[in-house]
C-alpha atoms as a PDB file:
ATOM      1  CA  MET A   1      31.939  24.138 -55.150  1.00  0.00           C
ATOM      2  CA  VAL A   2      31.423  22.370 -58.469  1.00  0.00           C
ATOM      3  CA  ARG A   3      30.855  19.071 -56.709  1.00  0.00           C
ATOM      4  CA  THR A   4      28.118  20.590 -54.502  1.00  0.00           C
ATOM      5  CA  LYS A   5      26.330  22.058 -57.520  1.00  0.00           C
ATOM      6  CA  LEU A   6      26.560  18.726 -59.320  1.00  0.00           C
ATOM      7  CA  ILE A   7      25.092  16.845 -56.358  1.00  0.00           C
ATOM      8  CA  LEU A   8      22.274  19.381 -55.977  1.00  0.00           C
ATOM      9  CA  THR A   9      21.511  19.206 -59.692  1.00  0.00           C
ATOM     10  CA  ILE A  10      21.335  15.420 -59.559  1.00  0.00           C
ATOM     11  CA  VAL A  11      19.086  15.484 -56.473  1.00  0.00           C
ATOM     12  CA  VAL A  12      16.722  18.034 -58.042  1.00  0.00           C
ATOM     13  CA  THR A  13      16.598  16.017 -61.261  1.00  0.00           C
ATOM     14  CA  ILE A  14      15.767  12.802 -59.397  1.00  0.00           C
ATOM     15  CA  ILE A  15      13.054  14.544 -57.365  1.00  0.00           C
ATOM     16  CA  SER A  16      11.515  16.127 -60.470  1.00  0.00           C
ATOM     17  CA  PHE A  17      11.449  12.803 -62.335  1.00  0.00           C
ATOM     18  CA  GLY A  18       9.905  11.127 -59.302  1.00  0.00           C
ATOM     19  CA  ALA A  19       7.236  13.795 -58.968  1.00  0.00           C
ATOM     20  CA  THR A  20       6.417  13.598 -62.677  1.00  0.00           C
ATOM     21  CA  GLY A  21       6.147   9.820 -62.549  1.00  0.00           C
ATOM     22  CA  LEU A  22       3.939   9.984 -59.472  1.00  0.00           C
ATOM     23  CA  TRP A  23       1.699  12.538 -61.182  1.00  0.00           C
ATOM     24  CA  PHE A  24       1.274  10.275 -64.219  1.00  0.00           C
ATOM     25  CA  VAL A  25       0.461   7.261 -62.038  1.00  0.00           C
ATOM     26  CA  LEU A  26      -2.108   9.137 -59.956  1.00  0.00           C
ATOM     27  CA  SER A  27      -3.803  10.696 -62.981  1.00  0.00           C
ATOM     28  CA  GLU A  28      -4.046   7.268 -64.646  1.00  0.00           C
ATOM     29  CA  LYS A  29      -5.607   5.803 -61.503  1.00  0.00           C
ATOM     30  CA  GLN A  30      -8.150   8.618 -61.422  1.00  0.00           C
ATOM     31  CA  GLU A  31      -9.077   8.073 -65.085  1.00  0.00           C
ATOM     32  CA  ALA A  32      -9.407   4.341 -64.492  1.00  0.00           C
ATOM     33  CA  GLN A  33     -11.673   5.023 -61.508  1.00  0.00           C
ATOM     34  CA  GLU A  34     -13.879   7.304 -63.621  1.00  0.00           C
ATOM     35  CA  ARG A  35     -14.139   4.701 -66.396  1.00  0.00           C
ATOM     36  CA  ARG A  36     -14.979   2.026 -63.821  1.00  0.00           C
ATOM     37  CA  GLU A  37     -17.705   4.164 -62.249  1.00  0.00           C
ATOM     38  CA  LYS A  38     -19.172   4.973 -65.653  1.00  0.00           C
ATOM     39  CA  PHE A  39     -19.231   1.316 -66.692  1.00  0.00           C
ATOM     40  CA  PHE A  40     -20.469  -0.257 -63.440  1.00  0.00           C
ATOM     41  CA  GLY A  41     -22.365   2.724 -62.021  1.00  0.00           C
ATOM     42  CA  SER A  42     -26.089   2.939 -61.564  1.00  0.00           C
ATOM     43  CA  THR A  43     -28.457   5.794 -62.322  1.00  0.00           C
ATOM     44  CA  LYS A  44     -28.728   6.771 -58.644  1.00  0.00           C
ATOM     45  CA  GLU A  45     -32.425   7.485 -59.232  1.00  0.00           C
ATOM     46  CA  TYR A  46     -34.819   5.066 -57.634  1.00  0.00           C
ATOM     47  CA  PRO A  47     -38.425   5.834 -58.612  1.00  0.00           C
ATOM     48  CA  THR A  48     -40.792   5.236 -55.720  1.00  0.00           C
ATOM     49  CA  SER A  49     -44.080   6.323 -57.264  1.00  0.00           C
ATOM     50  CA  GLY A  50     -46.567   3.663 -58.249  1.00  0.00           C
ATOM     51  CA  GLY A  51     -46.068   0.078 -57.178  1.00  0.00           C
ATOM     52  CA  GLU A  52     -47.974  -1.620 -54.413  1.00  0.00           C
ATOM     53  CA  LYS A  53     -48.083  -0.764 -50.765  1.00  0.00           C
ATOM     54  CA  MET A  54     -46.362  -2.936 -48.215  1.00  0.00           C
ATOM     55  CA  LYS A  55     -48.677  -5.140 -46.253  1.00  0.00           C
ATOM     56  CA  ILE A  56     -48.026  -5.182 -42.513  1.00  0.00           C
ATOM     57  CA  GLU A  57     -48.269  -8.631 -40.982  1.00  0.00           C
ATOM     58  CA  TRP A  58     -48.760  -8.959 -37.246  1.00  0.00           C
END
């Protein structure tokens, strides 16, 4: 009985540490992605007013 509880405790501890580590890794990747988008991103607004009209050539 004690051995079963010990094994279950160890398994739960390993799973909880693994889940915590995975959470930290994924959150760091998300923050890095946000920093990358902010640094390399564009304004996403492309003004189309003004300028010259396209000339069609046949």
